[in-house]
Amino acid sequence: MTKYVFIVERTCTGYLAYSEDMDLLPVSTTGKNMWELNNNILEAIDLYRKYVEVDLKPITRENIMISLDVQ
């Protein structure tokens, strides 16, 4: 199973997530909390697959790995 790593940073309004490999999966999104952020990551990937028409299999929560950037 392919894993897609998303870097997560805290912002003043919640969280920002972006794909670690922007060449493979140029997706980023935000959320007020981690639950919303996870849902938004999946939605952003689905939108990317739909509108860019890439040959990318459907991605589930099991395919996503979160890496917290706590600086």
N, C-alpha and C. Protein backbone atom coordinates (compact mmCIF):
# COMPACT_ATOMS: atom_id res chain seq x y z
N MET A 1 0.84 -1.17 0.00
CA MET A 1 0.00 0.00 0.00
C MET A 1 0.89 1.24 0.00
N THR A 2 0.61 2.16 -0.89
CA THR A 2 1.37 3.40 -0.99
C THR A 2 0.98 4.34 0.14
N LYS A 3 1.98 4.94 0.76
CA LYS A 3 1.75 5.93 1.81
C LYS A 3 2.09 7.32 1.28
N TYR A 4 1.22 8.27 1.55
CA TYR A 4 1.45 9.66 1.16
C TYR A 4 1.65 10.46 2.44
N VAL A 5 2.81 11.11 2.55
CA VAL A 5 3.15 11.86 3.75
C VAL A 5 2.71 13.30 3.60
N PHE A 6 2.01 13.80 4.61
CA PHE A 6 1.60 15.19 4.66
C PHE A 6 2.25 15.86 5.86
N ILE A 7 2.91 16.97 5.61
CA ILE A 7 3.53 17.77 6.66
C ILE A 7 2.43 18.68 7.23
N VAL A 8 2.31 18.70 8.54
CA VAL A 8 1.28 19.52 9.19
C VAL A 8 1.95 20.57 10.06
N GLU A 9 1.53 21.81 9.87
CA GLU A 9 2.04 22.93 10.67
C GLU A 9 0.88 23.61 11.37
N ARG A 10 1.14 24.10 12.56
CA ARG A 10 0.13 24.86 13.31
C ARG A 10 0.12 26.28 12.78
N THR A 11 -1.07 26.85 12.60
CA THR A 11 -1.21 28.25 12.19
C THR A 11 -2.01 28.99 13.26
N CYS A 12 -2.18 30.28 13.08
CA CYS A 12 -2.94 31.05 14.08
C CYS A 12 -4.44 30.73 14.02
N THR A 13 -4.90 30.10 12.94
CA THR A 13 -6.32 29.76 12.82
C THR A 13 -6.59 28.26 12.83
N GLY A 14 -5.56 27.44 12.96
CA GLY A 14 -5.76 25.99 12.95
C GLY A 14 -4.52 25.27 12.47
N TYR A 15 -4.68 24.50 11.38
CA TYR A 15 -3.59 23.68 10.87
C TYR A 15 -3.49 23.79 9.35
N LEU A 16 -2.28 23.64 8.85
CA LEU A 16 -1.99 23.61 7.42
C LEU A 16 -1.32 22.27 7.12
N ALA A 17 -1.77 21.61 6.05
CA ALA A 17 -1.14 20.35 5.63
C ALA A 17 -0.77 20.46 4.16
N TYR A 18 0.41 19.95 3.83
CA TYR A 18 0.82 19.90 2.43
C TYR A 18 1.59 18.62 2.19
N SER A 19 1.50 18.14 0.96
CA SER A 19 2.15 16.89 0.59
C SER A 19 3.66 17.04 0.66
N GLU A 20 4.32 16.03 1.22
CA GLU A 20 5.78 16.04 1.29
C GLU A 20 6.39 15.99 -0.11
N ASP A 21 5.74 15.27 -1.03
CA ASP A 21 6.23 15.14 -2.40
C ASP A 21 5.28 15.91 -3.33
N MET A 22 5.53 17.21 -3.47
CA MET A 22 4.64 18.05 -4.26
C MET A 22 4.72 17.75 -5.76
N ASP A 23 5.77 17.06 -6.21
CA ASP A 23 5.83 16.66 -7.62
C ASP A 23 4.86 15.53 -7.90
N LEU A 24 4.74 14.61 -6.98
CA LEU A 24 3.84 13.46 -7.14
C LEU A 24 2.40 13.83 -6.83
N LEU A 25 2.19 14.58 -5.75
CA LEU A 25 0.84 14.90 -5.28
C LEU A 25 0.81 16.35 -4.80
N PRO A 26 0.64 17.31 -5.73
CA PRO A 26 0.68 18.72 -5.35
C PRO A 26 -0.61 19.18 -4.68
N VAL A 27 -0.77 18.80 -3.41
CA VAL A 27 -2.01 19.07 -2.68
C VAL A 27 -1.68 19.72 -1.35
N SER A 28 -2.46 20.73 -0.99
CA SER A 28 -2.37 21.33 0.34
C SER A 28 -3.77 21.74 0.77
N THR A 29 -3.96 21.88 2.08
CA THR A 29 -5.27 22.26 2.61
C THR A 29 -5.11 22.75 4.04
N THR A 30 -6.19 23.26 4.61
CA THR A 30 -6.19 23.73 5.99
C THR A 30 -7.38 23.15 6.74
N GLY A 31 -7.34 23.28 8.05
CA GLY A 31 -8.46 22.85 8.89
C GLY A 31 -8.37 23.49 10.26
N LYS A 32 -9.52 23.66 10.90
CA LYS A 32 -9.55 24.27 12.23
C LYS A 32 -9.01 23.33 13.30
N ASN A 33 -9.15 22.02 13.07
CA ASN A 33 -8.65 21.01 14.01
C ASN A 33 -8.16 19.82 13.21
N MET A 34 -7.57 18.83 13.88
CA MET A 34 -6.98 17.69 13.16
C MET A 34 -8.05 16.84 12.47
N TRP A 35 -9.21 16.70 13.07
CA TRP A 35 -10.28 15.93 12.45
C TRP A 35 -10.69 16.56 11.12
N GLU A 36 -10.92 17.88 11.15
CA GLU A 36 -11.30 18.60 9.93
C GLU A 36 -10.16 18.55 8.91
N LEU A 37 -8.93 18.68 9.38
CA LEU A 37 -7.78 18.65 8.48
C LEU A 37 -7.68 17.31 7.75
N ASN A 38 -7.87 16.21 8.47
CA ASN A 38 -7.82 14.89 7.82
C ASN A 38 -8.90 14.76 6.75
N ASN A 39 -10.11 15.21 7.05
CA ASN A 39 -11.18 15.17 6.05
C ASN A 39 -10.85 16.05 4.86
N ASN A 40 -10.27 17.23 5.11
CA ASN A 40 -9.93 18.14 4.02
C ASN A 40 -8.79 17.59 3.15
N ILE A 41 -7.87 16.85 3.75
CA ILE A 41 -6.80 16.22 2.96
C ILE A 41 -7.41 15.25 1.96
N LEU A 42 -8.31 14.40 2.43
CA LEU A 42 -8.95 13.43 1.53
C LEU A 42 -9.75 14.14 0.44
N GLU A 43 -10.47 15.19 0.81
CA GLU A 43 -11.26 15.95 -0.17
C GLU A 43 -10.35 16.62 -1.20
N ALA A 44 -9.24 17.19 -0.75
CA ALA A 44 -8.31 17.85 -1.67
C ALA A 44 -7.70 16.85 -2.65
N ILE A 45 -7.38 15.66 -2.17
CA ILE A 45 -6.84 14.63 -3.05
C ILE A 45 -7.88 14.20 -4.07
N ASP A 46 -9.12 14.02 -3.63
CA ASP A 46 -10.19 13.64 -4.56
C ASP A 46 -10.41 14.71 -5.62
N LEU A 47 -10.38 15.98 -5.22
CA LEU A 47 -10.53 17.06 -6.19
C LEU A 47 -9.37 17.08 -7.18
N TYR A 48 -8.17 16.87 -6.69
CA TYR A 48 -7.00 16.81 -7.57
C TYR A 48 -7.15 15.68 -8.58
N ARG A 49 -7.53 14.50 -8.12
CA ARG A 49 -7.71 13.35 -9.01
C ARG A 49 -8.79 13.64 -10.05
N LYS A 50 -9.87 14.30 -9.64
CA LYS A 50 -11.00 14.56 -10.53
C LYS A 50 -10.66 15.60 -11.61
N TYR A 51 -10.05 16.70 -11.20
CA TYR A 51 -9.85 17.80 -12.14
C TYR A 51 -8.55 17.74 -12.93
N VAL A 52 -7.55 17.07 -12.42
CA VAL A 52 -6.28 16.97 -13.14
C VAL A 52 -6.24 15.68 -13.96
N GLU A 53 -7.12 14.75 -13.61
CA GLU A 53 -7.23 13.47 -14.32
C GLU A 53 -5.91 12.72 -14.34
N VAL A 54 -5.33 12.56 -13.17
CA VAL A 54 -4.09 11.80 -13.04
C VAL A 54 -4.41 10.33 -12.82
N ASP A 55 -3.45 9.48 -13.14
CA ASP A 55 -3.62 8.05 -12.93
C ASP A 55 -3.22 7.72 -11.50
N LEU A 56 -4.12 7.99 -10.58
CA LEU A 56 -3.87 7.82 -9.16
C LEU A 56 -5.03 7.04 -8.57
N LYS A 57 -4.71 5.94 -7.90
CA LYS A 57 -5.76 5.12 -7.29
C LYS A 57 -6.42 5.90 -6.16
N PRO A 58 -7.68 5.55 -5.84
CA PRO A 58 -8.35 6.21 -4.71
C PRO A 58 -7.51 6.08 -3.43
N ILE A 59 -7.49 7.14 -2.66
CA ILE A 59 -6.69 7.18 -1.44
C ILE A 59 -7.62 7.23 -0.23
N THR A 60 -7.30 6.41 0.77
CA THR A 60 -8.09 6.37 2.00
C THR A 60 -7.23 6.88 3.16
N ARG A 61 -7.82 6.95 4.33
CA ARG A 61 -7.08 7.39 5.52
C ARG A 61 -5.86 6.51 5.78
N GLU A 62 -5.97 5.23 5.42
CA GLU A 62 -4.86 4.30 5.65
C GLU A 62 -3.65 4.63 4.79
N ASN A 63 -3.85 5.36 3.69
CA ASN A 63 -2.75 5.73 2.80
C ASN A 63 -2.05 7.01 3.24
N ILE A 64 -2.62 7.72 4.20
CA ILE A 64 -2.10 9.03 4.59
C ILE A 64 -1.31 8.93 5.88
N MET A 65 -0.11 9.50 5.86
CA MET A 65 0.72 9.57 7.05
C MET A 65 0.93 11.05 7.38
N ILE A 66 0.69 11.41 8.63
CA ILE A 66 0.84 12.79 9.08
C ILE A 66 2.19 12.95 9.77
N SER A 67 2.91 14.00 9.36
CA SER A 67 4.18 14.35 10.00
C SER A 67 4.03 15.75 10.58
N LEU A 68 4.05 15.86 11.91
CA LEU A 68 3.88 17.17 12.55
C LEU A 68 5.18 17.95 12.52
N ASP A 69 5.09 19.19 12.05
CA ASP A 69 6.24 20.09 12.03
C ASP A 69 6.08 21.04 13.21
N VAL A 70 6.67 20.69 14.34
CA VAL A 70 6.50 21.48 15.56
C VAL A 70 7.78 22.26 15.86
N GLN A 71 7.84 23.45 15.33
CA GLN A 71 9.02 24.29 15.54
C GLN A 71 8.69 25.41 16.49
